[in-house]
Amino acid sequence: MARSKSKHRKMKMKRKIKWKKKIKRMKKANKAQGK
């Protein structure tokens, strides 16, 4: 069980990084639309 738990945690981290990149891209798009 411990092994699967650590695996799950890694997946969560990857998802977080993806989300951060998504937000950055969205912010850039919003700035472009504002101009």
PDB file of N, CA and C in Angstrom:
ATOM      1  N   MET A   1       0.826  -1.211   0.000  1.00  0.00           N
ATOM      2  CA  MET A   1       0.000   0.000   0.000  1.00  0.00           C
ATOM      3  C   MET A   1       0.861   1.263   0.000  1.00  0.00           C
ATOM      4  N   ALA A   2       1.956   1.204   0.727  1.00  0.00           N
ATOM      5  CA  ALA A   2       2.837   2.386   0.822  1.00  0.00           C
ATOM      6  C   ALA A   2       3.353   2.766  -0.567  1.00  0.00           C
ATOM      7  N   ARG A   3       3.684   1.751  -1.358  1.00  0.00           N
ATOM      8  CA  ARG A   3       4.254   2.015  -2.677  1.00  0.00           C
ATOM      9  C   ARG A   3       3.213   2.731  -3.561  1.00  0.00           C
ATOM     10  N   SER A   4       1.997   2.227  -3.560  1.00  0.00           N
ATOM     11  CA  SER A   4       0.952   2.838  -4.391  1.00  0.00           C
ATOM     12  C   SER A   4       0.668   4.262  -3.909  1.00  0.00           C
ATOM     13  N   LYS A   5       0.790   4.471  -2.601  1.00  0.00           N
ATOM     14  CA  LYS A   5       0.520   5.804  -2.045  1.00  0.00           C
ATOM     15  C   LYS A   5       1.528   6.815  -2.588  1.00  0.00           C
ATOM     16  N   SER A   6       2.809   6.443  -2.589  1.00  0.00           N
ATOM     17  CA  SER A   6       3.855   7.351  -3.081  1.00  0.00           C
ATOM     18  C   SER A   6       3.623   7.625  -4.570  1.00  0.00           C
ATOM     19  N   LYS A   7       3.168   6.610  -5.295  1.00  0.00           N
ATOM     20  CA  LYS A   7       2.912   6.777  -6.728  1.00  0.00           C
ATOM     21  C   LYS A   7       1.818   7.827  -6.926  1.00  0.00           C
ATOM     22  N   HIS A   8       0.791   7.716  -6.100  1.00  0.00           N
ATOM     23  CA  HIS A   8      -0.343   8.646  -6.208  1.00  0.00           C
ATOM     24  C   HIS A   8       0.123  10.077  -5.945  1.00  0.00           C
ATOM     25  N   ARG A   9       1.005  10.209  -4.964  1.00  0.00           N
ATOM     26  CA  ARG A   9       1.504  11.547  -4.609  1.00  0.00           C
ATOM     27  C   ARG A   9       2.244  12.164  -5.802  1.00  0.00           C
ATOM     28  N   LYS A  10       3.033  11.338  -6.486  1.00  0.00           N
ATOM     29  CA  LYS A  10       3.807  11.829  -7.641  1.00  0.00           C
ATOM     30  C   LYS A  10       2.840  12.310  -8.726  1.00  0.00           C
ATOM     31  N   MET A  11       1.775  11.573  -8.931  1.00  0.00           N
ATOM     32  CA  MET A  11       0.787  11.947  -9.938  1.00  0.00           C
ATOM     33  C   MET A  11       0.183  13.308  -9.587  1.00  0.00           C
ATOM     34  N   LYS A  12      -0.110  13.492  -8.293  1.00  0.00           N
ATOM     35  CA  LYS A  12      -0.698  14.760  -7.842  1.00  0.00           C
ATOM     36  C   LYS A  12       0.254  15.918  -8.150  1.00  0.00           C
ATOM     37  N   MET A  13       1.532  15.727  -7.892  1.00  0.00           N
ATOM     38  CA  MET A  13       2.522  16.776  -8.135  1.00  0.00           C
ATOM     39  C   MET A  13       2.550  17.119  -9.625  1.00  0.00           C
ATOM     40  N   LYS A  14       2.546  16.089 -10.465  1.00  0.00           N
ATOM     41  CA  LYS A  14       2.586  16.322 -11.915  1.00  0.00           C
ATOM     42  C   LYS A  14       1.376  17.140 -12.337  1.00  0.00           C
ATOM     43  N   ARG A  15       0.214  16.788 -11.761  1.00  0.00           N
ATOM     44  CA  ARG A  15      -1.012  17.490 -12.116  1.00  0.00           C
ATOM     45  C   ARG A  15      -0.919  18.957 -11.699  1.00  0.00           C
ATOM     46  N   LYS A  16      -0.332  19.185 -10.520  1.00  0.00           N
ATOM     47  CA  LYS A  16      -0.181  20.554 -10.009  1.00  0.00           C
ATOM     48  C   LYS A  16       0.664  21.380 -10.963  1.00  0.00           C
ATOM     49  N   ILE A  17       1.770  20.798 -11.425  1.00  0.00           N
ATOM     50  CA  ILE A  17       2.677  21.514 -12.335  1.00  0.00           C
ATOM     51  C   ILE A  17       1.928  21.846 -13.628  1.00  0.00           C
ATOM     52  N   LYS A  18       1.161  20.894 -14.122  1.00  0.00           N
ATOM     53  CA  LYS A  18       0.397  21.118 -15.366  1.00  0.00           C
ATOM     54  C   LYS A  18      -0.571  22.278 -15.153  1.00  0.00           C
ATOM     55  N   TRP A  19      -1.225  22.289 -14.002  1.00  0.00           N
ATOM     56  CA  TRP A  19      -2.210  23.323 -13.691  1.00  0.00           C
ATOM     57  C   TRP A  19      -1.541  24.696 -13.663  1.00  0.00           C
ATOM     58  N   LYS A  20      -0.347  24.756 -13.042  1.00  0.00           N
ATOM     59  CA  LYS A  20       0.387  26.034 -12.953  1.00  0.00           C
ATOM     60  C   LYS A  20       0.708  26.538 -14.356  1.00  0.00           C
ATOM     61  N   LYS A  21       1.147  25.640 -15.223  1.00  0.00           N
ATOM     62  CA  LYS A  21       1.483  26.035 -16.597  1.00  0.00           C
ATOM     63  C   LYS A  21       0.233  26.529 -17.313  1.00  0.00           C
ATOM     64  N   LYS A  22      -0.876  25.845 -17.047  1.00  0.00           N
ATOM     65  CA  LYS A  22      -2.140  26.226 -17.685  1.00  0.00           C
ATOM     66  C   LYS A  22      -2.515  27.648 -17.283  1.00  0.00           C
ATOM     67  N   ILE A  23      -2.405  27.950 -16.001  1.00  0.00           N
ATOM     68  CA  ILE A  23      -2.763  29.278 -15.487  1.00  0.00           C
ATOM     69  C   ILE A  23      -1.873  30.338 -16.136  1.00  0.00           C
ATOM     70  N   LYS A  24      -0.593  30.038 -16.239  1.00  0.00           N
ATOM     71  CA  LYS A  24       0.354  30.999 -16.848  1.00  0.00           C
ATOM     72  C   LYS A  24      -0.086  31.292 -18.281  1.00  0.00           C
ATOM     73  N   ARG A  25      -0.438  30.242 -19.017  1.00  0.00           N
ATOM     74  CA  ARG A  25      -0.838  30.403 -20.418  1.00  0.00           C
ATOM     75  C   ARG A  25      -2.128  31.238 -20.502  1.00  0.00           C
ATOM     76  N   MET A  26      -3.066  30.947 -19.592  1.00  0.00           N
ATOM     77  CA  MET A  26      -4.345  31.661 -19.586  1.00  0.00           C
ATOM     78  C   MET A  26      -4.113  33.149 -19.307  1.00  0.00           C
ATOM     79  N   LYS A  27      -3.236  33.437 -18.349  1.00  0.00           N
ATOM     80  CA  LYS A  27      -2.928  34.834 -18.004  1.00  0.00           C
ATOM     81  C   LYS A  27      -2.353  35.557 -19.217  1.00  0.00           C
ATOM     82  N   LYS A  28      -1.472  34.886 -19.937  1.00  0.00           N
ATOM     83  CA  LYS A  28      -0.849  35.487 -21.130  1.00  0.00           C
ATOM     84  C   LYS A  28      -1.939  35.774 -22.167  1.00  0.00           C
ATOM     85  N   ALA A  29      -2.845  34.821 -22.352  1.00  0.00           N
ATOM     86  CA  ALA A  29      -3.922  34.976 -23.332  1.00  0.00           C
ATOM     87  C   ALA A  29      -4.814  36.154 -22.929  1.00  0.00           C
ATOM     88  N   ASN A  30      -5.101  36.274 -21.631  1.00  0.00           N
ATOM     89  CA  ASN A  30      -5.946  37.366 -21.149  1.00  0.00           C
ATOM     90  C   ASN A  30      -5.286  38.701 -21.444  1.00  0.00           C
ATOM     91  N   LYS A  31      -3.970  38.770 -21.234  1.00  0.00           N
ATOM     92  CA  LYS A  31      -3.235  40.027 -21.490  1.00  0.00           C
ATOM     93  C   LYS A  31      -3.330  40.364 -22.980  1.00  0.00           C
ATOM     94  N   ALA A  32      -3.179  39.367 -23.827  1.00  0.00           N
ATOM     95  CA  ALA A  32      -3.230  39.588 -25.278  1.00  0.00           C
ATOM     96  C   ALA A  32      -4.625  40.090 -25.667  1.00  0.00           C
ATOM     97  N   GLN A  33      -5.654  39.536 -25.044  1.00  0.00           N
ATOM     98  CA  GLN A  33      -7.024  39.950 -25.367  1.00  0.00           C
ATOM     99  C   GLN A  33      -7.260  41.381 -24.891  1.00  0.00           C
ATOM    100  N   GLY A  34      -6.694  41.734 -23.735  1.00  0.00           N
ATOM    101  CA  GLY A  34      -6.874  43.074 -23.173  1.00  0.00           C
ATOM    102  C   GLY A  34      -6.321  44.135 -24.107  1.00  0.00           C
ATOM    103  N   LYS A  35      -5.203  43.812 -24.765  1.00  0.00           N
ATOM    104  CA  LYS A  35      -4.578  44.789 -25.683  1.00  0.00           C
ATOM    105  C   LYS A  35      -5.318  44.782 -27.009  1.00  0.00           C
TER     106      LYS A  35
END
